[in-house]
Protein backbone atom coordinates (compact mmCIF):
# COMPACT_ATOMS: atom_id res chain seq x y z
CA MET A 1 -3.38 31.10 -13.73
CA ASN A 2 -6.79 30.69 -12.14
CA TYR A 3 -8.10 27.21 -11.42
CA GLN A 4 -11.57 26.14 -10.38
CA LEU A 5 -11.49 23.83 -7.35
CA SER A 6 -14.44 21.63 -6.51
CA GLU A 7 -15.12 18.60 -4.34
CA THR A 8 -16.36 15.63 -6.34
CA ASN A 9 -17.55 12.05 -6.06
CA VAL A 10 -19.20 12.05 -9.49
CA PHE A 11 -18.25 8.92 -11.41
CA ASP A 12 -17.84 10.80 -14.69
CA ASP A 13 -14.86 12.68 -13.20
CA TYR A 14 -13.00 9.51 -12.24
CA ALA A 15 -11.70 8.55 -15.68
CA ALA A 16 -9.65 11.76 -15.67
CA ILE A 17 -8.74 11.37 -11.98
CA ALA A 18 -7.57 7.78 -12.43
CA ALA A 19 -5.54 8.70 -15.52
CA LEU A 20 -3.89 11.54 -13.59
CA GLN A 21 -3.13 9.30 -10.59
CA GLN A 22 -1.66 6.64 -12.87
CA LEU A 23 0.59 9.26 -14.46
CA VAL A 24 1.71 11.04 -11.28
CA THR A 25 1.53 8.49 -8.45
CA LEU A 26 1.81 5.30 -10.57
CA SER A 27 -1.46 4.08 -9.03
CA PRO A 28 -2.78 0.93 -10.76
CA GLU A 29 -6.40 1.59 -9.72
CA SER A 30 -9.02 1.89 -12.43
CA ALA A 31 -11.66 4.64 -12.40
CA GLU A 32 -14.24 2.09 -11.22
CA GLU A 33 -12.06 0.82 -8.35
CA MET A 34 -11.11 4.32 -7.24
CA HIS A 35 -14.68 5.61 -7.30
CA SER A 36 -15.96 2.55 -5.43
CA ALA A 37 -13.30 2.88 -2.70
CA GLU A 38 -13.86 6.60 -2.23
CA THR A 39 -17.66 6.46 -2.08
CA GLU A 40 -17.97 3.36 0.12
CA PRO A 41 -19.55 4.33 3.49
CA SER A 42 -17.12 4.11 6.40
CA ALA A 43 -17.48 4.47 10.15
CA THR A 44 -13.78 5.16 10.69
CA VAL A 45 -12.53 7.06 7.61
CA ARG A 46 -13.76 10.13 5.80
CA ARG A 47 -12.57 10.40 2.21
CA ARG A 48 -12.57 13.66 0.29
CA ARG A 49 -11.59 14.26 -3.33
CA VAL A 50 -11.07 17.74 -4.82
CA VAL A 51 -10.18 18.48 -8.44
CA ALA A 52 -8.62 21.50 -10.11
CA ARG A 53 -9.91 22.43 -13.56
CA ASN A 54 -8.27 24.83 -15.97
CA GLU A 55 -10.13 27.42 -18.04
CA ALA A 56 -11.10 24.74 -20.57
CA GLY A 57 -12.69 22.65 -17.80
CA THR A 58 -10.02 19.94 -17.98
CA ILE A 59 -8.98 18.26 -14.72
CA ILE A 60 -5.26 18.99 -14.37
CA GLY A 61 -4.83 18.36 -10.63
CA THR A 62 -6.44 16.65 -7.67
CA SER A 63 -6.14 16.25 -3.92
CA GLN A 64 -7.20 13.25 -1.90
CA LEU A 65 -7.80 13.31 1.85
CA ARG A 66 -8.40 10.34 4.13
CA LEU A 67 -9.23 11.45 7.66
CA ARG A 68 -9.33 8.97 10.51
CA ALA A 69 -11.90 9.28 13.27
CA PRO A 70 -10.74 11.87 15.85
CA ALA A 71 -8.27 10.49 18.40
CA PRO A 72 -5.16 11.82 20.18
CA ASP A 73 -2.88 10.00 17.71
CA SER A 74 -5.11 10.27 14.64
CA TYR A 75 -3.65 11.03 11.25
CA THR A 76 -4.78 12.36 7.90
CA PHE A 77 -3.45 11.08 4.59
CA LEU A 78 -3.10 13.76 1.91
CA VAL A 79 -1.93 13.41 -1.68
CA VAL A 80 -1.77 16.38 -4.05
CA SER A 81 -1.23 15.44 -7.70
CA VAL A 82 -0.75 17.82 -10.63
CA ASP A 83 -0.17 16.90 -14.26
CA PRO A 84 3.56 17.56 -14.90
CA ALA A 85 2.62 19.68 -17.92
CA HIS A 86 0.71 22.06 -15.62
CA ARG A 87 3.09 22.33 -12.67
CA ARG A 88 4.62 25.55 -11.29
CA ARG A 89 1.51 27.53 -12.14
CA GLY A 90 -0.20 27.51 -8.73
CA ALA A 91 -2.54 24.52 -9.03
CA GLY A 92 -0.67 22.40 -6.47
CA THR A 93 -0.49 25.27 -3.97
CA ALA A 94 -4.20 26.00 -4.40
CA LEU A 95 -5.13 22.34 -3.85
CA TYR A 96 -2.83 22.04 -0.82
CA GLU A 97 -4.10 25.21 0.86
CA GLU A 98 -7.72 24.20 0.27
CA ALA A 99 -7.04 20.77 1.79
CA MET A 100 -5.24 22.25 4.80
CA ALA A 101 -8.14 24.62 5.50
CA PHE A 102 -10.40 21.56 5.63
CA VAL A 103 -7.98 19.54 7.80
CA ARG A 104 -7.70 22.32 10.39
CA GLN A 105 -11.45 22.10 10.96
CA HIS A 106 -11.05 18.48 12.11
CA GLU A 107 -9.03 16.91 14.90
CA SER A 108 -5.89 15.29 13.51
CA ALA A 109 -2.39 15.08 14.93
CA THR A 110 -0.32 14.14 11.90
CA LEU A 111 -0.44 14.68 8.17
CA ILE A 112 1.03 11.97 5.92
CA THR A 113 1.81 12.15 2.22
CA ALA A 114 3.41 9.70 -0.22
CA PHE A 115 4.65 9.84 -3.80
CA PRO A 116 7.08 8.04 -6.15
CA ASP A 117 10.74 8.37 -5.16
CA ASN A 118 11.68 9.56 -8.65
CA ASP A 119 9.41 12.63 -8.43
CA SER A 120 11.80 15.38 -7.30
CA ASP A 121 9.11 18.04 -7.79
CA ALA A 122 6.84 16.31 -5.26
CA TYR A 123 9.67 15.96 -2.74
CA ARG A 124 10.55 19.64 -3.01
CA PHE A 125 6.87 20.66 -2.80
CA ALA A 126 6.35 18.67 0.41
CA GLU A 127 9.64 19.74 2.00
CA GLN A 128 8.86 23.42 1.42
CA ARG A 129 5.61 22.95 3.35
CA GLY A 130 7.20 21.43 6.43
CA PHE A 131 7.03 17.71 5.68
CA VAL A 132 9.97 15.53 6.72
CA LEU A 133 10.98 12.14 5.33
CA ASP A 134 9.62 9.29 7.43
CA GLN A 135 10.10 6.20 5.25
CA HIS A 136 11.58 5.22 1.93
CA TRP A 137 9.81 2.22 0.44
CA VAL A 138 11.95 0.53 -2.19
CA HIS A 139 9.97 -1.41 -4.78
CA PHE A 140 11.03 -4.47 -6.75
CA ALA A 141 9.53 -6.60 -9.50
CA LEU A 142 10.01 -10.22 -10.53
CA ASP A 143 9.53 -11.60 -14.05
CA LEU A 144 7.33 -14.64 -13.39
CA ALA A 145 7.74 -16.20 -16.83
CA SER A 146 11.49 -16.62 -16.40
CA PHE A 147 11.55 -17.42 -12.67
CA ASP A 148 13.32 -20.75 -12.01
CA MET A 149 11.17 -22.30 -9.26
CA PRO A 150 12.94 -25.73 -9.21
CA ARG A 151 16.16 -23.95 -8.23
CA PHE A 152 14.60 -23.18 -4.82
CA ALA A 153 12.82 -26.48 -4.17
CA GLN A 154 15.14 -27.31 -1.27
CA VAL A 155 14.07 -24.15 0.60
CA LYS A 156 10.43 -25.24 0.85
CA GLN A 157 11.43 -28.81 1.70
CA ALA A 158 13.78 -27.68 4.49
CA VAL A 159 11.09 -25.50 6.08
CA GLN A 160 8.46 -28.24 5.90
CA GLN A 161 10.92 -30.65 7.54
CA GLN A 162 10.93 -28.29 10.53
CA GLY A 163 7.22 -29.06 10.98
CA ILE A 164 6.00 -25.85 9.37
CA ARG A 165 2.88 -26.22 7.23
CA PHE A 166 1.36 -23.78 4.75
CA PHE A 167 -2.27 -23.04 3.94
CA ALA A 168 -4.46 -20.14 2.83
CA LEU A 169 -7.02 -18.20 4.83
CA ALA A 170 -9.60 -19.54 2.38
CA ASP A 171 -8.78 -23.08 3.53
CA VAL A 172 -9.99 -22.37 7.08
CA GLY A 173 -12.64 -19.79 6.19
CA ASN A 174 -12.67 -16.03 5.81
CA SER A 175 -14.76 -15.59 8.95
CA LEU A 176 -14.49 -12.83 11.55
CA GLU A 177 -12.75 -15.31 13.88
CA TYR A 178 -10.00 -16.05 11.39
CA GLN A 179 -9.77 -12.43 10.29
CA ARG A 180 -8.95 -11.70 13.95
CA LYS A 181 -6.16 -14.30 13.85
CA LEU A 182 -4.93 -12.79 10.60
CA TYR A 183 -4.99 -9.34 12.22
CA ASP A 184 -3.02 -10.53 15.25
CA LEU A 185 -0.40 -12.14 13.00
CA ASN A 186 -0.10 -9.01 10.86
CA ARG A 187 0.22 -6.83 13.93
CA ARG A 188 2.87 -8.96 15.65
CA THR A 189 5.04 -9.31 12.58
CA SER A 190 4.66 -5.68 11.48
CA LEU A 191 5.38 -3.74 14.63
CA ASP A 192 8.96 -4.96 15.05
CA ALA A 193 9.86 -4.39 11.39
CA PRO A 194 12.01 -1.36 10.50
CA GLY A 195 9.99 1.84 10.27
CA GLU A 196 6.79 0.39 11.74
CA ASP A 197 5.65 1.75 15.11
CA THR A 198 1.88 2.01 14.72
CA PHE A 199 -0.83 -0.37 13.57
CA PRO A 200 -4.54 0.15 12.89
CA SER A 201 -7.33 -1.19 15.07
CA PHE A 202 -9.01 -4.47 14.18
CA GLU A 203 -12.04 -2.60 12.84
CA GLU A 204 -9.83 -0.45 10.61
CA PHE A 205 -7.91 -3.54 9.44
CA VAL A 206 -11.12 -5.31 8.40
CA GLU A 207 -12.35 -2.22 6.56
CA ASP A 208 -9.05 -1.26 4.91
CA ILE A 209 -7.61 -4.72 4.19
CA CYS A 210 -10.21 -7.47 4.33
CA THR A 211 -12.67 -5.55 2.17
CA ALA A 212 -10.08 -4.00 -0.17
CA PRO A 213 -10.50 -4.74 -3.90
CA TRP A 214 -7.16 -6.56 -4.02
CA PHE A 215 -7.82 -8.80 -0.98
CA ARG A 216 -8.32 -12.49 -1.69
CA ALA A 217 -8.65 -15.05 1.08
CA ASP A 218 -6.82 -17.62 -1.04
CA GLY A 219 -3.95 -15.12 -1.41
CA GLN A 220 -3.40 -14.86 2.36
CA ILE A 221 -0.79 -17.61 2.71
CA ILE A 222 -0.11 -18.63 6.29
CA ALA A 223 2.77 -20.56 7.86
CA ALA A 224 1.85 -22.48 11.01
CA ASP A 225 3.71 -24.48 13.64
CA GLY A 226 1.04 -26.82 14.94
CA GLU A 227 -1.96 -24.57 15.60
CA ARG A 228 0.13 -21.43 15.98
CA TRP A 229 0.18 -19.03 13.04
CA VAL A 230 3.80 -17.86 12.74
CA GLY A 231 4.14 -16.26 9.30
CA LEU A 232 2.22 -14.68 6.47
CA GLY A 233 2.67 -13.93 2.78
CA ALA A 234 -0.14 -11.77 1.37
CA VAL A 235 -0.61 -11.42 -2.36
CA GLY A 236 -3.21 -9.58 -4.42
CA LEU A 237 -3.93 -9.44 -8.14
CA GLU A 238 -4.54 -6.44 -10.39
CA GLY A 239 -4.79 -7.57 -13.99
CA ASN A 240 -1.58 -9.34 -14.95
CA ILE A 241 0.34 -7.72 -12.07
CA ALA A 242 0.49 -9.44 -8.69
CA HIS A 243 1.47 -7.59 -5.52
CA ASN A 244 3.17 -9.23 -2.55
CA ALA A 245 1.51 -6.83 -0.12
CA PHE A 246 3.18 -8.17 3.02
CA THR A 247 5.51 -10.90 4.23
CA GLY A 248 6.19 -11.32 7.94
CA VAL A 249 7.35 -13.96 10.39
CA ASP A 250 7.20 -14.06 14.20
CA GLN A 251 10.50 -12.98 15.69
CA GLU A 252 11.36 -16.33 17.30
CA TYR A 253 10.81 -18.12 13.97
CA ARG A 254 13.09 -15.91 11.91
CA ARG A 255 16.37 -17.02 10.29
CA ARG A 256 14.76 -20.38 9.48
CA HIS A 257 13.99 -19.50 5.83
CA ILE A 258 10.25 -19.31 6.54
CA ALA A 259 9.99 -15.84 4.95
CA GLU A 260 11.74 -17.17 1.85
CA ALA A 261 9.40 -20.16 1.68
CA LEU A 262 6.38 -17.86 2.05
CA THR A 263 7.72 -15.66 -0.73
CA LEU A 264 8.08 -18.71 -2.97
CA ARG A 265 4.47 -19.61 -2.19
CA THR A 266 3.34 -16.11 -3.22
CA ILE A 267 5.29 -16.52 -6.47
CA GLU A 268 3.55 -19.85 -7.13
CA TYR A 269 0.18 -18.27 -6.40
CA ALA A 270 0.84 -15.39 -8.80
CA GLN A 271 1.96 -17.79 -11.53
CA GLU A 272 -1.09 -20.02 -11.05
CA HIS A 273 -3.38 -17.00 -11.51
CA GLY A 274 -1.79 -15.86 -14.77
CA ALA A 275 0.25 -12.91 -13.51
CA THR A 276 3.33 -11.99 -15.53
CA GLN A 277 4.99 -9.86 -12.86
CA LEU A 278 5.10 -9.86 -9.05
CA GLN A 279 5.82 -6.58 -7.29
CA VAL A 280 6.91 -6.08 -3.68
CA SER A 281 7.95 -3.18 -1.46
CA ASN A 282 10.07 -2.97 1.67
CA ASP A 283 11.37 -0.29 3.96
CA SER A 284 14.88 0.64 2.81
CA ARG A 285 16.17 -0.29 6.30
CA ASN A 286 14.89 -3.88 6.10
CA THR A 287 18.16 -5.25 4.76
CA GLY A 288 17.27 -8.89 5.39
CA MET A 289 14.24 -8.80 3.11
CA LEU A 290 16.12 -6.78 0.50
CA ARG A 291 18.91 -9.38 0.37
CA MET A 292 16.38 -12.19 0.03
CA GLN A 293 14.60 -10.49 -2.86
CA GLU A 294 17.90 -9.87 -4.64
CA LYS A 295 18.72 -13.56 -4.22
CA LEU A 296 15.39 -14.52 -5.83
CA GLY A 297 16.02 -12.30 -8.84
CA TYR A 298 13.87 -9.23 -8.16
CA TYR A 299 14.93 -6.02 -9.91
CA PRO A 300 14.30 -2.40 -8.77
CA ILE A 301 11.40 -0.26 -10.01
CA PRO A 302 10.33 3.23 -8.79
CA GLY A 303 9.71 3.22 -5.04
CA ARG A 304 7.88 5.58 -2.73
CA TYR A 305 8.72 8.27 -0.20
CA VAL A 306 6.48 8.75 2.83
CA MET A 307 6.70 12.16 4.50
CA THR A 308 4.95 13.46 7.62
CA LYS A 309 4.06 16.79 9.17
CA GLU A 310 2.78 17.49 12.67
CA ILE A 311 -0.36 19.63 12.61
CA GLU A 312 -0.20 22.60 14.95
């Protein structure tokens, strides 16, 4: 079947694009959020959206590229999504080949793709094109209405008795100075976690995280020992769903239940803001965090595979 491919940033196309992404990649983004993110000017990232239309003019597939500024270790993020009802008819291949022709015109060392771990078609499609599995993110959800917070009161008390205090980024100010401290804390606690060996620059962090639609300074919950920031629980809100985007603790402060106390703080935050569910994801190799989430009553939901391909 023949498909018409065209690059787009026209808002009128994004209702169909968002609906397709929600169906295929389980993305929670609305058409407005997606269009805003993809048309926002950036000094470090080029975003490119292509759609495939069938003979009736209906959008049945899309590709999304995010290209980092050229560098020896630069990478490009590519997602190809096709409506399951229109798969195995050439639309995915056409979108992929069009995207690869564009990528080869720009300097990039690595191609990254990601998709739900229950999408066997997507895994097979990527594997056949030379991608290899890099990470398996397992996702969990917590029912906030039934969560028994008093049951864990002693955890927070025990951590505070160690001299650890908790506050939000909003309490000290969401200034560039404190965003730098937040960046340093994220970087330290991320790079020694399973599956993490790279981290963006400060400029990329500010653009990708601190200006993201989900980012809230009052949802960046920090654990400190004196003036030293030693742990972080980051939570964002999307409707009635809250996302625990990251939890990390400095290595020398681990095994003191600080991560658990931070997680409890993120749960409190989500409850206070009317969320009914809190979602979290971890690398499948991070057994410590997985055990803690099981203890708190999280249950599994579809996760995500991340696959990579070196560009020759």
